[in-house]
């Protein structure tokens, strides 16, 4: 994937996260798995997780809780 594509998708993910009222702690692309790893700056409740994933521009899986917030993987 080209750098420009990664940058554009990161912008789309950031906009989607912000539009549902949350903020990112970390967002990076993993070339080996062709996916983005996202950590929010807060921990989401079980009721919010499914809704959050459905609002993302890519298929998202919940990966548990990190030191700063909920963790997700988004697949290209």
C-alpha atoms as a PDB file:
ATOM      1  CA  UNK A   1       0.000   0.000   0.000  1.00  0.00           C
ATOM      2  CA  UNK A   2       1.311   3.450  -0.893  1.00  0.00           C
ATOM      3  CA  UNK A   3       2.055   6.034   1.764  1.00  0.00           C
ATOM      4  CA  UNK A   4      -0.609   8.351   0.320  1.00  0.00           C
ATOM      5  CA  UNK A   5      -3.244   5.620   0.663  1.00  0.00           C
ATOM      6  CA  UNK A   6      -2.257   4.931   4.272  1.00  0.00           C
ATOM      7  CA  UNK A   7      -2.415   8.635   5.101  1.00  0.00           C
ATOM      8  CA  UNK A   8      -5.875   9.002   3.468  1.00  0.00           C
ATOM      9  CA  UNK A   9      -7.288   5.982   5.305  1.00  0.00           C
ATOM     10  CA  UNK A  10      -5.847   7.204   8.620  1.00  0.00           C
ATOM     11  CA  UNK A  11      -7.664  10.502   8.039  1.00  0.00           C
ATOM     12  CA  UNK A  12     -10.925   8.636   7.351  1.00  0.00           C
ATOM     13  CA  UNK A  13     -10.530   6.563  10.520  1.00  0.00           C
ATOM     14  CA  UNK A  14      -9.710   9.644  12.615  1.00  0.00           C
ATOM     15  CA  UNK A  15     -12.749  11.488  11.247  1.00  0.00           C
ATOM     16  CA  UNK A  16     -15.014   8.493  11.981  1.00  0.00           C
ATOM     17  CA  UNK A  17     -13.708   8.175  15.551  1.00  0.00           C
ATOM     18  CA  UNK A  18     -14.169  11.884  16.177  1.00  0.00           C
ATOM     19  CA  UNK A  19     -17.656  11.898  14.635  1.00  0.00           C
ATOM     20  CA  UNK A  20     -18.912   9.396  17.221  1.00  0.00           C
ATOM     21  CA  UNK A  21     -17.464  11.445  20.077  1.00  0.00           C
ATOM     22  CA  UNK A  22     -14.211   9.646  20.885  1.00  0.00           C
ATOM     23  CA  UNK A  23     -10.511  10.484  20.552  1.00  0.00           C
ATOM     24  CA  UNK A  24      -7.527   8.451  19.447  1.00  0.00           C
ATOM     25  CA  UNK A  25      -4.571   7.650  21.630  1.00  0.00           C
ATOM     26  CA  UNK A  26      -2.705   5.730  18.907  1.00  0.00           C
ATOM     27  CA  UNK A  27      -3.315   4.827  15.267  1.00  0.00           C
ATOM     28  CA  UNK A  28      -0.778   3.107  13.067  1.00  0.00           C
ATOM     29  CA  UNK A  29      -0.603   0.900   9.985  1.00  0.00           C
ATOM     30  CA  UNK A  30       0.921  -2.579  10.196  1.00  0.00           C
ATOM     31  CA  UNK A  31       2.346  -3.487   6.779  1.00  0.00           C
ATOM     32  CA  UNK A  32       2.776  -7.150   7.730  1.00  0.00           C
ATOM     33  CA  UNK A  33      -0.911  -7.715   8.427  1.00  0.00           C
ATOM     34  CA  UNK A  34      -2.336  -5.025   6.090  1.00  0.00           C
ATOM     35  CA  UNK A  35      -4.299  -3.552   8.975  1.00  0.00           C
ATOM     36  CA  UNK A  36      -4.538  -0.493  11.186  1.00  0.00           C
ATOM     37  CA  UNK A  37      -4.192  -0.749  14.948  1.00  0.00           C
ATOM     38  CA  UNK A  38      -6.190   1.777  16.927  1.00  0.00           C
ATOM     39  CA  UNK A  39      -6.268   2.607  20.623  1.00  0.00           C
ATOM     40  CA  UNK A  40      -8.808   5.056  21.981  1.00  0.00           C
ATOM     41  CA  UNK A  41      -8.067   7.419  24.840  1.00  0.00           C
ATOM     42  CA  UNK A  42     -10.833   5.825  26.922  1.00  0.00           C
ATOM     43  CA  UNK A  43     -12.241   2.385  27.709  1.00  0.00           C
ATOM     44  CA  UNK A  44     -15.595   1.623  26.056  1.00  0.00           C
ATOM     45  CA  UNK A  45     -18.416  -0.254  27.732  1.00  0.00           C
ATOM     46  CA  UNK A  46     -19.578  -3.581  26.305  1.00  0.00           C
ATOM     47  CA  UNK A  47     -22.761  -1.918  25.029  1.00  0.00           C
ATOM     48  CA  UNK A  48     -20.767   0.684  23.062  1.00  0.00           C
ATOM     49  CA  UNK A  49     -18.246  -1.663  21.401  1.00  0.00           C
ATOM     50  CA  UNK A  50     -20.510  -3.069  18.677  1.00  0.00           C
ATOM     51  CA  UNK A  51     -21.878   0.341  17.774  1.00  0.00           C
ATOM     52  CA  UNK A  52     -18.375   1.795  17.608  1.00  0.00           C
ATOM     53  CA  UNK A  53     -17.157  -0.963  15.264  1.00  0.00           C
ATOM     54  CA  UNK A  54     -20.120  -0.476  12.936  1.00  0.00           C
ATOM     55  CA  UNK A  55     -19.292   3.232  12.572  1.00  0.00           C
ATOM     56  CA  UNK A  56     -15.750   2.627  11.325  1.00  0.00           C
ATOM     57  CA  UNK A  57     -14.948   2.993   7.594  1.00  0.00           C
ATOM     58  CA  UNK A  58     -13.207  -0.434   7.541  1.00  0.00           C
ATOM     59  CA  UNK A  59     -14.080  -3.786   9.079  1.00  0.00           C
ATOM     60  CA  UNK A  60     -13.123  -3.484  12.747  1.00  0.00           C
ATOM     61  CA  UNK A  61     -12.490  -6.075  15.455  1.00  0.00           C
ATOM     62  CA  UNK A  62     -12.297  -5.377  19.160  1.00  0.00           C
ATOM     63  CA  UNK A  63      -8.913  -6.494  20.555  1.00  0.00           C
ATOM     64  CA  UNK A  64      -9.369  -5.857  24.256  1.00  0.00           C
ATOM     65  CA  UNK A  65      -8.216  -3.097  26.548  1.00  0.00           C
ATOM     66  CA  UNK A  66      -4.883  -1.319  26.350  1.00  0.00           C
ATOM     67  CA  UNK A  67      -3.180   0.904  28.887  1.00  0.00           C
ATOM     68  CA  UNK A  68      -4.993   4.017  27.633  1.00  0.00           C
ATOM     69  CA  UNK A  69      -8.242   2.711  26.174  1.00  0.00           C
ATOM     70  CA  UNK A  70     -10.033   0.140  24.038  1.00  0.00           C
ATOM     71  CA  UNK A  71      -8.009  -1.531  21.250  1.00  0.00           C
ATOM     72  CA  UNK A  72      -9.233  -2.305  17.732  1.00  0.00           C
ATOM     73  CA  UNK A  73      -7.847  -3.714  14.492  1.00  0.00           C
ATOM     74  CA  UNK A  74      -9.221  -2.347  11.221  1.00  0.00           C
ATOM     75  CA  UNK A  75      -8.658  -4.432   8.088  1.00  0.00           C
ATOM     76  CA  UNK A  76      -7.912  -3.046   4.625  1.00  0.00           C
END
